[in-house]
Each structure stands twice: as structure tokens, then as C-alpha cells.
N, C-alpha and C. Protein backbone atom coordinates (compact mmCIF):
# COMPACT_ATOMS: atom_id res chain seq x y z
N MET A 1 143.21 116.40 126.24
CA MET A 1 143.10 116.79 124.84
C MET A 1 144.03 115.91 124.01
N VAL A 2 143.55 115.48 122.90
CA VAL A 2 144.32 114.63 121.99
C VAL A 2 145.18 115.53 121.10
N PRO A 3 146.51 115.28 121.07
CA PRO A 3 147.37 116.12 120.22
C PRO A 3 146.96 116.05 118.75
N HIS A 4 146.86 117.20 118.12
CA HIS A 4 146.57 117.33 116.69
C HIS A 4 145.21 116.76 116.29
N PHE A 5 144.29 116.64 117.26
CA PHE A 5 142.97 116.08 116.96
C PHE A 5 142.27 116.85 115.84
N SER A 6 142.28 118.18 115.94
CA SER A 6 141.59 118.99 114.93
C SER A 6 142.13 118.74 113.53
N TYR A 7 143.46 118.65 113.43
CA TYR A 7 144.07 118.42 112.11
C TYR A 7 143.63 117.08 111.54
N TYR A 8 143.71 116.02 112.33
CA TYR A 8 143.37 114.70 111.82
C TYR A 8 141.87 114.55 111.57
N LEU A 9 141.06 115.28 112.31
CA LEU A 9 139.63 115.30 112.01
C LEU A 9 139.40 115.98 110.67
N LYS A 10 140.13 117.06 110.40
CA LYS A 10 140.03 117.73 109.10
C LYS A 10 140.47 116.80 107.97
N VAL A 11 141.54 116.04 108.19
CA VAL A 11 142.00 115.09 107.18
C VAL A 11 140.90 114.08 106.88
N PHE A 12 140.27 113.55 107.92
CA PHE A 12 139.19 112.58 107.74
C PHE A 12 138.02 113.19 106.99
N LEU A 13 137.55 114.35 107.43
CA LEU A 13 136.41 115.00 106.80
C LEU A 13 136.72 115.43 105.36
N ASN A 14 137.95 115.81 105.10
CA ASN A 14 138.36 116.24 103.77
C ASN A 14 138.18 115.14 102.73
N GLN A 15 138.30 113.89 103.15
CA GLN A 15 138.13 112.77 102.23
C GLN A 15 136.73 112.72 101.63
N TYR A 16 135.76 113.27 102.35
CA TYR A 16 134.37 113.21 101.93
C TYR A 16 133.84 114.55 101.42
N SER A 17 134.72 115.51 101.29
CA SER A 17 134.33 116.84 100.82
C SER A 17 134.06 116.84 99.32
N ASN A 18 133.12 117.68 98.90
CA ASN A 18 132.86 117.87 97.47
C ASN A 18 134.00 118.63 96.81
N THR A 19 134.72 119.40 97.62
CA THR A 19 135.86 120.17 97.11
C THR A 19 137.06 119.92 98.04
N PRO A 20 137.65 118.72 97.98
CA PRO A 20 138.78 118.43 98.88
C PRO A 20 139.98 119.31 98.58
N THR A 21 140.78 119.51 99.59
CA THR A 21 141.99 120.30 99.46
C THR A 21 143.20 119.44 99.86
N THR A 22 144.37 119.98 99.71
CA THR A 22 145.57 119.23 100.12
C THR A 22 145.65 119.22 101.65
N ASN A 23 146.29 118.20 102.20
CA ASN A 23 146.44 118.12 103.65
C ASN A 23 147.24 119.31 104.19
N GLN A 24 148.17 119.83 103.41
CA GLN A 24 148.95 120.99 103.85
C GLN A 24 148.07 122.23 104.03
N ASN A 25 147.02 122.34 103.24
CA ASN A 25 146.14 123.50 103.30
C ASN A 25 145.09 123.40 104.41
N LEU A 26 144.94 122.25 105.01
CA LEU A 26 143.90 122.06 106.02
C LEU A 26 144.09 122.94 107.25
N CYS A 27 145.33 123.31 107.55
CA CYS A 27 145.59 124.19 108.70
C CYS A 27 144.90 125.55 108.54
N ASN A 28 144.66 125.95 107.30
CA ASN A 28 144.05 127.26 107.02
C ASN A 28 142.53 127.21 106.93
N ILE A 29 141.95 126.04 107.05
CA ILE A 29 140.51 125.87 106.89
C ILE A 29 139.89 125.52 108.24
N PRO A 30 138.89 126.29 108.69
CA PRO A 30 138.27 126.00 109.99
C PRO A 30 137.34 124.79 109.90
N LEU A 31 137.14 124.13 111.03
CA LEU A 31 136.14 123.06 111.09
C LEU A 31 134.75 123.68 111.00
N PRO A 32 133.74 122.93 110.54
CA PRO A 32 132.40 123.49 110.39
C PRO A 32 131.63 123.57 111.72
N PHE A 33 132.31 123.35 112.85
CA PHE A 33 131.71 123.46 114.18
C PHE A 33 132.82 123.91 115.13
N THR A 34 132.42 124.38 116.32
CA THR A 34 133.42 124.94 117.23
C THR A 34 133.66 124.11 118.48
N LYS A 35 132.76 123.15 118.79
CA LYS A 35 132.99 122.34 119.98
C LYS A 35 132.20 121.04 119.90
N PHE A 36 132.63 120.09 120.73
CA PHE A 36 131.88 118.86 120.92
C PHE A 36 131.15 118.98 122.25
N ASP A 37 129.97 118.43 122.35
CA ASP A 37 129.19 118.51 123.58
C ASP A 37 129.39 117.21 124.36
N ALA A 38 130.44 117.14 125.15
CA ALA A 38 130.73 115.95 125.95
C ALA A 38 131.28 116.38 127.30
N LEU A 39 130.99 115.62 128.32
CA LEU A 39 131.48 115.92 129.66
C LEU A 39 132.58 114.93 130.03
N PRO A 40 133.66 115.41 130.65
CA PRO A 40 134.74 114.51 131.05
C PRO A 40 134.37 113.69 132.29
N LYS A 41 135.22 112.76 132.63
CA LYS A 41 135.02 111.97 133.84
C LYS A 41 135.01 112.88 135.06
N SER A 42 134.21 112.50 136.07
CA SER A 42 134.17 113.25 137.32
C SER A 42 133.74 112.29 138.43
N ASP A 43 133.64 112.79 139.66
CA ASP A 43 133.19 111.94 140.77
C ASP A 43 131.77 111.44 140.55
N LYS A 44 130.94 112.28 139.93
CA LYS A 44 129.54 111.90 139.69
C LYS A 44 129.37 111.11 138.39
N LEU A 45 130.19 111.40 137.40
CA LEU A 45 130.12 110.73 136.11
C LEU A 45 131.44 109.98 135.90
N LEU A 46 131.52 108.78 136.43
CA LEU A 46 132.78 108.03 136.42
C LEU A 46 133.28 107.72 135.02
N HIS A 47 132.39 107.63 134.05
CA HIS A 47 132.78 107.32 132.68
C HIS A 47 132.56 108.52 131.75
N GLY A 48 132.29 109.69 132.31
CA GLY A 48 131.95 110.84 131.49
C GLY A 48 130.50 110.74 131.06
N GLN A 49 130.01 111.75 130.38
CA GLN A 49 128.61 111.71 129.93
C GLN A 49 128.47 110.86 128.68
N PHE A 50 129.31 111.10 127.69
CA PHE A 50 129.31 110.29 126.47
C PHE A 50 130.54 110.62 125.66
N ASP A 51 130.87 109.77 124.75
CA ASP A 51 131.96 110.02 123.82
C ASP A 51 131.36 110.46 122.50
N THR A 52 131.95 111.45 121.91
CA THR A 52 131.48 111.95 120.63
C THR A 52 132.19 111.21 119.51
N VAL A 53 131.42 110.73 118.56
CA VAL A 53 131.99 110.05 117.41
C VAL A 53 131.44 110.70 116.15
N VAL A 54 132.33 111.06 115.26
CA VAL A 54 131.92 111.58 113.97
C VAL A 54 132.24 110.51 112.94
N ALA A 55 131.20 109.98 112.30
CA ALA A 55 131.40 108.93 111.30
C ALA A 55 130.55 109.27 110.09
N ILE A 56 131.19 109.32 108.95
CA ILE A 56 130.48 109.63 107.71
C ILE A 56 130.51 108.38 106.84
N VAL A 57 129.32 107.89 106.51
CA VAL A 57 129.22 106.70 105.68
C VAL A 57 128.74 107.08 104.28
N ASN A 58 127.79 107.99 104.22
CA ASN A 58 127.27 108.47 102.94
C ASN A 58 126.73 109.88 103.13
N ILE A 59 126.01 110.41 102.16
CA ILE A 59 125.56 111.80 102.25
C ILE A 59 124.39 112.00 103.20
N ASP A 60 123.73 110.93 103.64
CA ASP A 60 122.65 111.05 104.61
C ASP A 60 123.25 111.15 106.01
N ALA A 61 122.60 111.90 106.88
CA ALA A 61 123.12 112.09 108.24
C ALA A 61 122.09 111.64 109.26
N GLU A 62 122.57 111.08 110.35
CA GLU A 62 121.72 110.68 111.46
C GLU A 62 122.42 111.00 112.76
N SER A 63 121.65 111.15 113.81
CA SER A 63 122.19 111.35 115.14
C SER A 63 121.62 110.26 116.03
N THR A 64 122.47 109.62 116.81
CA THR A 64 122.03 108.54 117.70
C THR A 64 122.53 108.82 119.09
N GLU A 65 121.68 108.61 120.08
CA GLU A 65 122.06 108.81 121.46
C GLU A 65 121.84 107.50 122.22
N LEU A 66 122.82 107.10 122.99
CA LEU A 66 122.70 105.92 123.82
C LEU A 66 122.59 106.35 125.27
N ILE A 67 121.51 105.97 125.93
CA ILE A 67 121.27 106.37 127.31
C ILE A 67 121.46 105.16 128.22
N ASP A 68 122.22 105.35 129.30
CA ASP A 68 122.43 104.30 130.31
C ASP A 68 122.96 103.01 129.70
N MET A 69 123.93 103.12 128.81
CA MET A 69 124.48 101.91 128.18
C MET A 69 125.76 101.43 128.85
N ILE A 70 126.15 102.07 129.96
CA ILE A 70 127.38 101.67 130.64
C ILE A 70 127.06 100.64 131.70
């Protein structure tokens, strides 16, 4: 687990919010999701299943999956 990941993800997402708040207030605001769907490294999955990346470029959203790219 990455230390303070949730907080820094909130800081990043807050930059693109229609109603941004102060960084101090972010601790009181929940993320709009509860988990990432990723599998860690294991004997069968040496590199894990995939890495989750959240990137916001504009108001349009897309989802991309890369299969067998390792």
C-alpha cells in the first residue's frame, strides 16, 4: 500500500472538480469509489494483473484495457 495514496488522489481529483475544496478539507470528503480492481504479483501472475491509472484530461471519459502487453 502506498502511504497517503487516498489523500494525494483526492488532491489530484480536486483540481478538476466543479466545486473544489481546500486540501485541508479533503480528509473529510470520501472518494467517489471504494476500490481499484487490480491483482498483486503472485506465482501465477509475476507482474500482477494490471496497474490502475486514473488520468483526467478533459470532461470526456474513456476506459482502455491492455491485454498481454507484458
